[in-house]
């Protein structure tokens, strides 16, 4: 199983908009992805409710994990997303 750790860059943590964007991106991956605090059992990353229920805050570290073909690329893409402030207004 592939795993990667990343700090949350969104100033509101994984709440509402950031959780939604992350869950949508996770749902597009070719493998199921789990997200959770290091050492804890992860939740399904494609579920916005499960992601929000984690209550992850700004600069808190999370662990992403996945298994199967394309798992490492999927985790890298999702980690890069979490390393951005997803609550910032999109550039026009």
Protein backbone atom coordinates (compact mmCIF):
# COMPACT_ATOMS: atom_id res chain seq x y z
CA UNK A 1 0.00 0.00 0.00
CA UNK A 2 1.32 3.43 -0.96
CA UNK A 3 1.12 6.24 1.60
CA UNK A 4 2.05 9.90 1.65
CA UNK A 5 1.84 12.57 4.35
CA UNK A 6 0.98 16.20 3.71
CA UNK A 7 0.20 19.32 5.76
CA UNK A 8 -3.12 21.03 5.08
CA UNK A 9 -2.54 24.47 3.54
CA UNK A 10 -6.15 25.69 3.54
CA UNK A 11 -6.52 28.23 6.31
CA UNK A 12 -9.95 26.83 7.24
CA UNK A 13 -8.68 23.25 7.25
CA UNK A 14 -10.66 20.56 5.43
CA UNK A 15 -14.00 22.30 5.79
CA UNK A 16 -16.72 22.87 3.16
CA UNK A 17 -15.08 24.11 -0.06
CA UNK A 18 -11.63 22.55 0.46
CA UNK A 19 -13.17 19.21 1.50
CA UNK A 20 -15.47 19.27 -1.51
CA UNK A 21 -12.69 20.00 -3.97
CA UNK A 22 -10.52 17.30 -2.41
CA UNK A 23 -13.32 14.69 -2.37
CA UNK A 24 -14.13 15.39 -6.04
CA UNK A 25 -10.47 14.97 -6.99
CA UNK A 26 -10.26 11.74 -4.96
CA UNK A 27 -13.35 10.38 -6.74
CA UNK A 28 -11.64 10.90 -10.11
CA UNK A 29 -8.65 8.72 -9.16
CA UNK A 30 -8.28 5.22 -10.64
CA UNK A 31 -7.92 3.70 -7.15
CA UNK A 32 -9.80 4.14 -3.86
CA UNK A 33 -7.99 6.57 -1.55
CA UNK A 34 -8.15 6.86 2.24
CA UNK A 35 -7.36 9.97 4.29
CA UNK A 36 -6.75 10.24 8.02
CA UNK A 37 -4.45 11.40 10.74
CA UNK A 38 -1.16 9.48 10.89
CA UNK A 39 -1.63 6.36 12.99
CA UNK A 40 -5.45 6.46 12.74
CA UNK A 41 -7.67 4.45 10.45
CA UNK A 42 -8.44 6.47 7.31
CA UNK A 43 -11.81 7.35 5.83
CA UNK A 44 -12.89 7.22 2.20
CA UNK A 45 -11.38 10.32 0.61
CA UNK A 46 -14.10 10.61 -2.04
CA UNK A 47 -16.76 11.17 0.65
CA UNK A 48 -17.06 14.88 1.45
CA UNK A 49 -18.94 14.08 4.66
CA UNK A 50 -16.27 11.65 5.85
CA UNK A 51 -13.51 14.14 5.02
CA UNK A 52 -15.27 16.99 6.84
CA UNK A 53 -15.99 14.73 9.83
CA UNK A 54 -12.24 14.32 10.37
CA UNK A 55 -12.13 17.94 11.52
CA UNK A 56 -8.64 18.47 10.11
CA UNK A 57 -7.29 21.96 10.77
CA UNK A 58 -4.83 24.29 9.05
CA UNK A 59 -1.25 22.96 8.99
CA UNK A 60 -2.31 19.64 10.50
CA UNK A 61 -0.68 16.61 8.89
CA UNK A 62 -2.77 13.92 7.22
CA UNK A 63 -1.86 10.61 5.66
CA UNK A 64 -3.22 9.51 2.30
CA UNK A 65 -3.12 5.86 1.31
CA UNK A 66 -4.12 3.80 -1.71
CA UNK A 67 -3.43 0.45 -3.25
CA UNK A 68 -3.36 -0.70 -6.87
CA UNK A 69 -2.18 0.47 -10.27
CA UNK A 70 -1.71 4.22 -10.26
CA UNK A 71 -1.81 4.55 -6.47
CA UNK A 72 1.41 6.54 -6.16
CA UNK A 73 0.46 9.00 -8.90
CA UNK A 74 -3.00 9.43 -7.38
CA UNK A 75 -1.54 10.17 -3.95
CA UNK A 76 0.95 12.66 -5.36
CA UNK A 77 -1.82 14.52 -7.20
CA UNK A 78 -4.04 14.65 -4.11
CA UNK A 79 -1.16 15.66 -1.82
CA UNK A 80 -0.31 18.53 -4.18
CA UNK A 81 -3.93 19.65 -3.98
CA UNK A 82 -3.93 19.62 -0.17
CA UNK A 83 -0.67 21.57 -0.14
CA UNK A 84 -2.58 24.53 -1.69
CA UNK A 85 -4.97 26.94 0.02
CA UNK A 86 -8.17 25.52 -1.48
CA UNK A 87 -10.30 28.15 0.23
CA UNK A 88 -8.55 31.03 -1.53
CA UNK A 89 -10.55 32.78 -4.24
CA UNK A 90 -9.69 31.37 -7.68
CA UNK A 91 -7.55 33.63 -9.84
CA UNK A 92 -9.53 35.49 -12.51
